[in-house]
Amino acid sequence: MPRLNPFAGGRTKLTKLWESTIDGHVVSLAWSDALGLIAAASADGPIALFDAKTGRLICNLFGHGFGTAHIAWSVDGLHLASAGQDGKVRVWDGMAVMQIHELSGGAAWVERVAWCPTANLLASAAGKKLRLWNLDGEMLREYPDHPSTITDIQWKPNDALLASTAYGKLFLWRPEEQIAVREFAWQGSILALAWSPNGEYLAAGTQDSSVHFWVMKTGEDLHMQGYLTKVRELAWDPTSRYLATGGAEVCTVWDCSGAGPAGSEPIQLEAHKETITFLAYQRQGTLLASGGEDGLVALWQPGKQLGALALAKHDAPISQLAWSADDQRLAVGTADGNVLLYAR
């Protein structure tokens, strides 16, 4: 069971509202604020839909025969897309709680799905295949094969511009264009992408224990190295000033204001005893949540306070974190299948 330990004198604390379980490691968590649902996917079983207020299991969505890799709600929160280890993309009607489309990802395993922020368009990444679908289940476009397996896809905030990455390359795509509108070279393996909320920067966590950073306006790139392990954990604050990164048991936060992070000393946030596994900034606020292999969830306010504002300890590593739209609740997923909701 989680053990809560708010810091003395702190204005923020974590209060557990409910706890439930699913079968297997929680690989993806996603909120639908419109429907009041939290979807939780495991690598071994179905997708579970929970009532966000009570934690009651609404239903299990069966379909992916070998488990799920990733889930994402549409911008309006009414449709859930899932990427499966069976090579399929499935689209679910959240109100009717039923599957409406089964789509072929183009490879044995679908790694990611991502909804366009400005239209009902769904991108899927499977192997070297990047495909674009509409809400009717029609494939609008199959882009040229990537040079190697696609590791991440991310839409630019408030824009129909999709970033994808494979070994040695970063691509930008438009729905109406068959070829990439921009390409960036990087001699290494990029594992994760994160756009700044203002769309001016694109950060990448890499296999070689570093963070790479592109300025979209100029194409200039920066490289931050010295991490202890590969970096998959990236999170921007809503103002696009701070970029939080994992890659160690210390959370490293770069200040990207003014002249940017080049040559500056980052903020170091220390509470975890083992490697950080997930980072999530509030959607509108200043709080950063971190989760680690040590089962710890910590809340921070980078730039204002170095110490953790609150802690919650769990028995298994933290695998997922997701804030509600109003920034008042934090959903947590663990490696042993626990799904919890906290209020702050």
Protein backbone atom coordinates (compact mmCIF):
# COMPACT_ATOMS: atom_id res chain seq x y z
CA MET A 1 0.00 0.00 0.00
CA PRO A 2 1.23 3.55 -0.67
CA ARG A 3 2.67 5.46 2.23
CA LEU A 4 2.15 9.23 2.21
CA ASN A 5 4.77 11.56 3.57
CA PRO A 6 4.08 15.26 2.91
CA PHE A 7 7.01 17.48 3.78
CA ALA A 8 6.51 19.46 6.97
CA GLY A 9 5.52 23.03 6.29
CA GLY A 10 4.72 22.38 2.64
CA ARG A 11 1.62 23.88 1.09
CA THR A 12 1.10 20.90 -1.17
CA LYS A 13 0.37 17.32 -0.19
CA LEU A 14 -0.79 14.14 -1.88
CA THR A 15 -4.02 12.61 -0.61
CA LYS A 16 -4.96 9.21 -1.99
CA LEU A 17 -8.52 9.16 -3.35
CA TRP A 18 -8.66 5.57 -4.59
CA GLU A 19 -6.61 2.58 -5.65
CA SER A 20 -7.34 -0.24 -8.08
CA THR A 21 -5.41 -2.88 -9.99
CA ILE A 22 -5.06 -4.30 -13.48
CA ASP A 23 -3.29 -7.42 -14.71
CA GLY A 24 0.34 -6.61 -15.43
CA HIS A 25 2.65 -3.65 -15.76
CA VAL A 26 0.83 -0.34 -16.41
CA VAL A 27 2.37 0.78 -19.71
CA SER A 28 0.06 3.71 -20.48
CA LEU A 29 -2.41 5.96 -18.63
CA ALA A 30 -4.76 8.45 -20.26
CA TRP A 31 -7.47 10.80 -18.96
CA SER A 32 -10.76 11.60 -20.65
CA ASP A 33 -11.98 14.61 -18.71
CA ALA A 34 -15.00 14.85 -21.02
CA LEU A 35 -16.19 11.38 -19.98
CA GLY A 36 -14.72 11.33 -16.48
CA LEU A 37 -12.67 8.23 -17.29
CA ILE A 38 -9.11 7.06 -16.77
CA ALA A 39 -7.88 4.42 -19.20
CA ALA A 40 -5.07 2.12 -18.08
CA ALA A 41 -3.29 -0.30 -20.40
CA SER A 42 -1.06 -3.21 -19.50
CA ALA A 43 1.49 -5.13 -21.51
CA ASP A 44 -0.32 -8.37 -20.70
CA GLY A 45 -4.07 -7.81 -20.73
CA PRO A 46 -7.01 -5.64 -21.77
CA ILE A 47 -7.41 -1.88 -21.38
CA ALA A 48 -9.24 -0.97 -18.17
CA LEU A 49 -11.62 2.00 -17.97
CA PHE A 50 -12.05 3.48 -14.48
CA ASP A 51 -14.49 6.05 -13.16
CA ALA A 52 -12.13 8.92 -12.35
CA LYS A 53 -14.15 10.00 -9.29
CA THR A 54 -14.60 6.66 -7.57
CA GLY A 55 -12.05 4.31 -9.10
CA ARG A 56 -14.81 1.87 -10.03
CA LEU A 57 -13.93 -0.36 -12.97
CA ILE A 58 -16.38 0.51 -15.75
CA CYS A 59 -15.24 -2.21 -18.13
CA ASN A 60 -12.29 -3.92 -19.79
CA LEU A 61 -11.65 -3.32 -23.48
CA PHE A 62 -10.53 -6.59 -25.03
CA GLY A 63 -9.01 -6.78 -28.48
CA HIS A 64 -5.22 -6.72 -28.54
CA GLY A 65 -4.34 -10.39 -28.31
CA PHE A 66 -0.81 -9.89 -26.99
CA GLY A 67 -1.28 -6.79 -24.87
CA THR A 68 -1.19 -3.06 -25.44
CA ALA A 69 1.79 -0.77 -26.03
CA HIS A 70 0.19 2.69 -25.87
CA ILE A 71 -3.16 4.47 -25.57
CA ALA A 72 -4.33 8.04 -26.25
CA TRP A 73 -7.66 9.87 -26.05
CA SER A 74 -8.75 12.15 -28.87
CA VAL A 75 -8.62 15.88 -28.17
CA ASP A 76 -12.34 15.98 -27.33
CA GLY A 77 -11.92 12.98 -25.03
CA LEU A 78 -14.59 10.90 -26.78
CA HIS A 79 -12.47 8.34 -28.65
CA LEU A 80 -9.65 6.17 -27.38
CA ALA A 81 -6.92 4.87 -29.69
CA SER A 82 -4.76 1.92 -28.71
CA ALA A 83 -1.54 0.52 -30.16
CA GLY A 84 -1.19 -3.22 -29.85
CA GLN A 85 1.47 -5.87 -29.79
CA ASP A 86 -0.71 -7.68 -32.34
CA GLY A 87 0.14 -5.14 -35.06
CA LYS A 88 -3.26 -3.46 -34.82
CA VAL A 89 -4.50 0.02 -34.06
CA ARG A 90 -7.91 -0.01 -32.42
CA VAL A 91 -10.26 2.94 -32.01
CA TRP A 92 -12.89 2.83 -29.28
CA ASP A 93 -16.02 4.91 -28.75
CA GLY A 94 -15.69 6.09 -25.16
CA MET A 95 -19.37 6.84 -24.67
CA ALA A 96 -20.66 3.55 -26.09
CA VAL A 97 -17.63 1.71 -24.68
CA MET A 98 -17.13 -0.32 -27.83
CA GLN A 99 -14.56 -0.78 -30.60
CA ILE A 100 -15.42 1.03 -33.82
CA HIS A 101 -12.27 0.40 -35.90
CA GLU A 102 -9.53 -2.20 -36.21
CA LEU A 103 -6.68 -0.85 -38.33
CA SER A 104 -3.47 -2.44 -39.59
CA GLY A 105 -0.37 -0.73 -38.30
CA GLY A 106 1.86 -2.23 -41.00
CA ALA A 107 4.20 -4.21 -38.73
CA ALA A 108 4.06 -6.89 -36.05
CA TRP A 109 4.00 -4.35 -33.22
CA VAL A 110 2.45 -0.87 -33.10
CA GLU A 111 4.61 1.35 -30.91
CA ARG A 112 2.69 4.63 -30.67
CA VAL A 113 -0.58 6.37 -31.51
CA ALA A 114 -1.09 10.15 -31.43
CA TRP A 115 -4.11 12.36 -32.13
CA CYS A 116 -3.70 15.61 -34.04
CA PRO A 117 -4.51 18.59 -31.78
CA THR A 118 -6.34 20.51 -34.51
CA ALA A 119 -8.34 17.81 -36.35
CA ASN A 120 -9.74 14.30 -35.89
CA LEU A 121 -6.63 12.69 -37.35
CA LEU A 122 -4.78 9.77 -35.82
CA ALA A 123 -1.13 8.92 -36.47
CA SER A 124 0.27 5.44 -35.83
CA ALA A 125 3.86 4.19 -35.75
CA ALA A 126 4.69 0.52 -36.34
CA GLY A 127 8.15 -0.63 -37.35
CA LYS A 128 9.21 1.70 -40.18
CA LYS A 129 5.60 2.58 -41.04
CA LEU A 130 4.00 5.93 -40.23
CA ARG A 131 0.32 6.04 -41.13
CA LEU A 132 -2.40 8.68 -40.86
CA TRP A 133 -6.08 7.84 -40.31
CA ASN A 134 -9.35 9.73 -40.06
CA LEU A 135 -12.13 9.07 -37.57
CA ASP A 136 -13.97 6.94 -40.12
CA GLY A 137 -11.08 4.46 -40.07
CA GLU A 138 -9.80 5.41 -43.51
CA MET A 139 -6.05 5.51 -44.07
CA LEU A 140 -5.40 8.96 -45.49
CA ARG A 141 -1.69 8.58 -45.94
CA GLU A 142 1.20 6.18 -45.57
CA TYR A 143 4.40 8.16 -45.43
CA PRO A 144 7.67 6.85 -46.89
CA ASP A 145 9.33 4.18 -44.79
CA HIS A 146 11.66 5.43 -42.10
CA PRO A 147 15.30 4.25 -42.29
CA SER A 148 14.78 2.16 -39.14
CA THR A 149 12.15 1.46 -36.50
CA ILE A 150 10.18 4.54 -35.44
CA THR A 151 10.75 5.17 -31.75
CA ASP A 152 8.37 8.07 -31.10
CA ILE A 153 5.83 10.38 -32.72
CA GLN A 154 4.57 13.70 -31.33
CA TRP A 155 2.26 16.36 -32.77
CA LYS A 156 3.28 19.96 -32.37
CA PRO A 157 0.94 21.71 -29.91
CA ASN A 158 -1.92 23.55 -31.63
CA ASP A 159 -0.63 22.62 -35.08
CA ALA A 160 -1.04 19.79 -37.60
CA LEU A 161 2.71 19.15 -37.70
CA LEU A 162 3.90 15.69 -36.73
CA ALA A 163 7.40 14.84 -35.56
CA SER A 164 8.75 11.31 -35.89
CA THR A 165 12.12 9.84 -35.18
CA ALA A 166 14.20 6.81 -36.14
CA TYR A 167 17.91 6.09 -35.82
CA GLY A 168 19.90 9.07 -37.06
CA LYS A 169 16.90 11.10 -38.26
CA LEU A 170 14.13 13.40 -37.09
CA PHE A 171 11.29 14.14 -39.53
CA LEU A 172 8.47 16.70 -39.61
CA TRP A 173 5.31 15.84 -41.57
CA ARG A 174 2.12 17.58 -42.70
CA PRO A 175 -1.14 15.68 -43.32
CA GLU A 176 -1.43 17.16 -46.81
CA GLU A 177 2.18 16.40 -47.83
CA GLN A 178 3.55 12.97 -48.81
CA ILE A 179 7.18 13.79 -48.07
CA ALA A 180 8.70 15.27 -44.93
CA VAL A 181 8.62 19.06 -44.79
CA ARG A 182 11.81 19.14 -42.68
CA GLU A 183 14.53 16.69 -41.70
CA PHE A 184 17.17 16.88 -39.00
CA ALA A 185 20.16 14.57 -38.74
CA TRP A 186 21.49 13.23 -35.46
CA GLN A 187 23.99 10.38 -35.36
CA GLY A 188 22.43 8.36 -32.61
CA SER A 189 19.29 6.65 -31.41
CA ILE A 190 16.52 8.99 -30.27
CA LEU A 191 14.11 7.35 -27.81
CA ALA A 192 11.61 10.08 -26.93
CA LEU A 193 10.42 13.45 -28.22
CA ALA A 194 8.82 16.41 -26.45
CA TRP A 195 7.61 19.66 -28.05
CA SER A 196 7.64 22.79 -25.94
CA PRO A 197 4.05 24.05 -25.47
CA ASN A 198 4.80 27.15 -27.58
CA GLY A 199 6.15 24.94 -30.38
CA GLU A 200 9.48 26.76 -30.52
CA TYR A 201 11.63 23.86 -29.31
CA LEU A 202 11.75 20.11 -29.80
CA ALA A 203 13.65 18.05 -27.25
CA ALA A 204 14.84 14.47 -27.69
CA GLY A 205 16.04 11.93 -25.17
CA THR A 206 18.69 9.58 -26.55
CA GLN A 207 20.16 6.11 -26.13
CA ASP A 208 23.62 7.59 -25.55
CA SER A 209 22.65 9.22 -22.22
CA SER A 210 22.07 12.72 -23.53
CA VAL A 211 19.35 15.20 -24.44
CA HIS A 212 19.31 16.88 -27.83
CA PHE A 213 17.43 20.10 -28.42
CA TRP A 214 16.35 21.83 -31.65
CA VAL A 215 15.27 25.45 -32.07
CA MET A 216 12.57 25.26 -34.74
CA LYS A 217 12.89 28.84 -36.00
CA THR A 218 16.60 28.64 -36.77
CA GLY A 219 17.32 24.90 -36.93
CA GLU A 220 20.04 25.41 -34.32
CA ASP A 221 20.62 22.42 -32.08
CA LEU A 222 22.03 22.00 -28.60
CA HIS A 223 23.36 18.93 -26.85
CA MET A 224 23.20 18.23 -23.12
CA GLN A 225 25.19 15.22 -21.97
CA GLY A 226 26.46 13.65 -18.77
CA TYR A 227 23.36 11.65 -17.83
CA LEU A 228 23.90 8.33 -16.08
CA THR A 229 21.66 6.30 -18.36
CA LYS A 230 19.55 6.60 -21.51
CA VAL A 231 16.96 9.37 -21.38
CA ARG A 232 13.30 8.61 -22.05
CA GLU A 233 11.78 11.03 -19.54
CA LEU A 234 11.08 14.55 -20.82
CA ALA A 235 8.51 17.10 -19.62
CA TRP A 236 8.00 20.80 -20.42
CA ASP A 237 6.32 23.24 -18.09
CA PRO A 238 3.28 25.09 -19.57
CA THR A 239 5.26 28.30 -20.13
CA SER A 240 7.96 26.51 -22.20
CA ARG A 241 10.61 27.87 -19.85
CA TYR A 242 11.60 24.68 -18.05
CA LEU A 243 12.47 21.29 -19.53
CA ALA A 244 12.62 18.49 -16.95
CA THR A 245 14.67 15.41 -17.83
CA GLY A 246 15.33 11.99 -16.29
CA GLY A 247 18.23 9.71 -17.11
CA ALA A 248 19.33 9.38 -13.47
CA GLU A 249 17.93 9.36 -9.94
CA VAL A 250 18.27 13.15 -9.99
CA CYS A 251 15.78 15.15 -12.05
CA THR A 252 17.66 17.70 -14.17
CA VAL A 253 15.68 20.81 -15.15
CA TRP A 254 16.97 23.15 -17.85
CA ASP A 255 15.98 26.82 -17.99
CA CYS A 256 15.26 27.57 -21.66
CA SER A 257 14.39 31.25 -21.23
CA GLY A 258 16.55 34.09 -22.51
CA ALA A 259 19.64 32.75 -24.26
CA GLY A 260 18.52 29.18 -23.60
CA PRO A 261 20.18 26.35 -21.70
CA ALA A 262 23.55 26.48 -23.47
CA GLY A 263 26.32 27.09 -20.95
CA SER A 264 23.92 27.34 -18.02
CA GLU A 265 23.76 25.25 -14.86
CA PRO A 266 20.58 23.19 -14.62
CA ILE A 267 18.40 22.82 -11.55
CA GLN A 268 18.97 19.49 -9.79
CA LEU A 269 16.01 17.95 -7.92
CA GLU A 270 17.02 15.22 -5.48
CA ALA A 271 14.66 12.83 -3.68
CA HIS A 272 14.72 9.55 -5.60
CA LYS A 273 17.07 6.74 -4.58
CA GLU A 274 16.80 4.98 -7.94
CA THR A 275 16.44 6.01 -11.59
CA ILE A 276 13.54 8.28 -12.55
CA THR A 277 11.01 6.51 -14.76
CA PHE A 278 8.42 9.20 -15.53
CA LEU A 279 7.97 12.98 -15.46
CA ALA A 280 4.77 15.01 -15.85
CA TYR A 281 4.19 18.75 -15.51
CA GLN A 282 0.75 20.10 -14.72
CA ARG A 283 -1.12 21.20 -17.83
CA GLN A 284 -1.46 24.81 -16.65
CA GLY A 285 0.30 25.01 -13.29
CA THR A 286 3.88 25.01 -12.05
CA LEU A 287 4.06 21.63 -10.32
CA LEU A 288 6.19 18.80 -11.68
CA ALA A 289 5.53 15.19 -10.72
CA SER A 290 8.31 12.61 -10.88
CA GLY A 291 8.19 8.84 -10.45
CA GLY A 292 11.04 6.43 -9.99
CA GLU A 293 12.23 2.83 -9.87
CA ASP A 294 12.19 3.25 -6.08
CA GLY A 295 8.38 3.51 -6.09
CA LEU A 296 8.50 7.16 -5.08
CA VAL A 297 6.25 9.87 -6.49
CA ALA A 298 7.47 13.40 -5.75
CA LEU A 299 6.00 16.83 -6.40
CA TRP A 300 8.29 19.76 -7.19
CA GLN A 301 8.12 23.43 -8.09
CA PRO A 302 11.29 24.03 -10.14
CA GLY A 303 12.55 27.58 -10.14
CA LYS A 304 10.84 28.33 -6.83
CA GLN A 305 11.86 25.56 -4.44
CA LEU A 306 14.57 22.90 -4.62
CA GLY A 307 13.09 20.49 -2.09
CA ALA A 308 10.20 18.18 -2.83
CA LEU A 309 6.81 19.55 -1.83
CA ALA A 310 5.29 16.11 -1.19
CA LEU A 311 6.14 12.44 -1.50
CA ALA A 312 4.14 9.22 -1.87
CA LYS A 313 5.93 5.88 -1.58
CA HIS A 314 4.79 2.72 -3.38
CA ASP A 315 5.96 -0.87 -3.26
CA ALA A 316 6.69 -1.16 -7.00
CA PRO A 317 8.40 1.09 -9.56
CA ILE A 318 6.35 3.94 -10.98
CA SER A 319 5.57 3.42 -14.66
CA GLN A 320 3.06 6.19 -15.51
CA LEU A 321 1.91 9.62 -14.30
CA ALA A 322 -0.94 11.74 -15.68
CA TRP A 323 -2.51 15.00 -14.45
CA SER A 324 -6.20 15.80 -14.76
CA ALA A 325 -7.21 18.79 -16.90
CA ASP A 326 -7.80 20.96 -13.82
CA ASP A 327 -4.37 20.02 -12.40
CA GLN A 328 -5.94 18.99 -9.09
CA ARG A 329 -5.57 15.21 -9.42
CA LEU A 330 -2.66 12.98 -10.35
CA ALA A 331 -3.12 9.45 -11.69
CA VAL A 332 -0.30 6.99 -10.98
CA GLY A 333 0.45 3.62 -12.55
CA THR A 334 2.94 1.10 -11.21
CA ALA A 335 4.92 -1.82 -12.57
CA ASP A 336 2.88 -4.32 -10.52
CA GLY A 337 -0.47 -3.18 -11.92
CA ASN A 338 -1.65 -0.65 -9.34
CA VAL A 339 -3.62 2.36 -10.57
CA LEU A 340 -4.05 5.14 -8.02
CA LEU A 341 -5.51 8.63 -7.94
CA TYR A 342 -4.23 11.40 -5.70
CA ALA A 343 -5.53 14.87 -4.95
CA ARG A 344 -3.16 17.64 -4.10
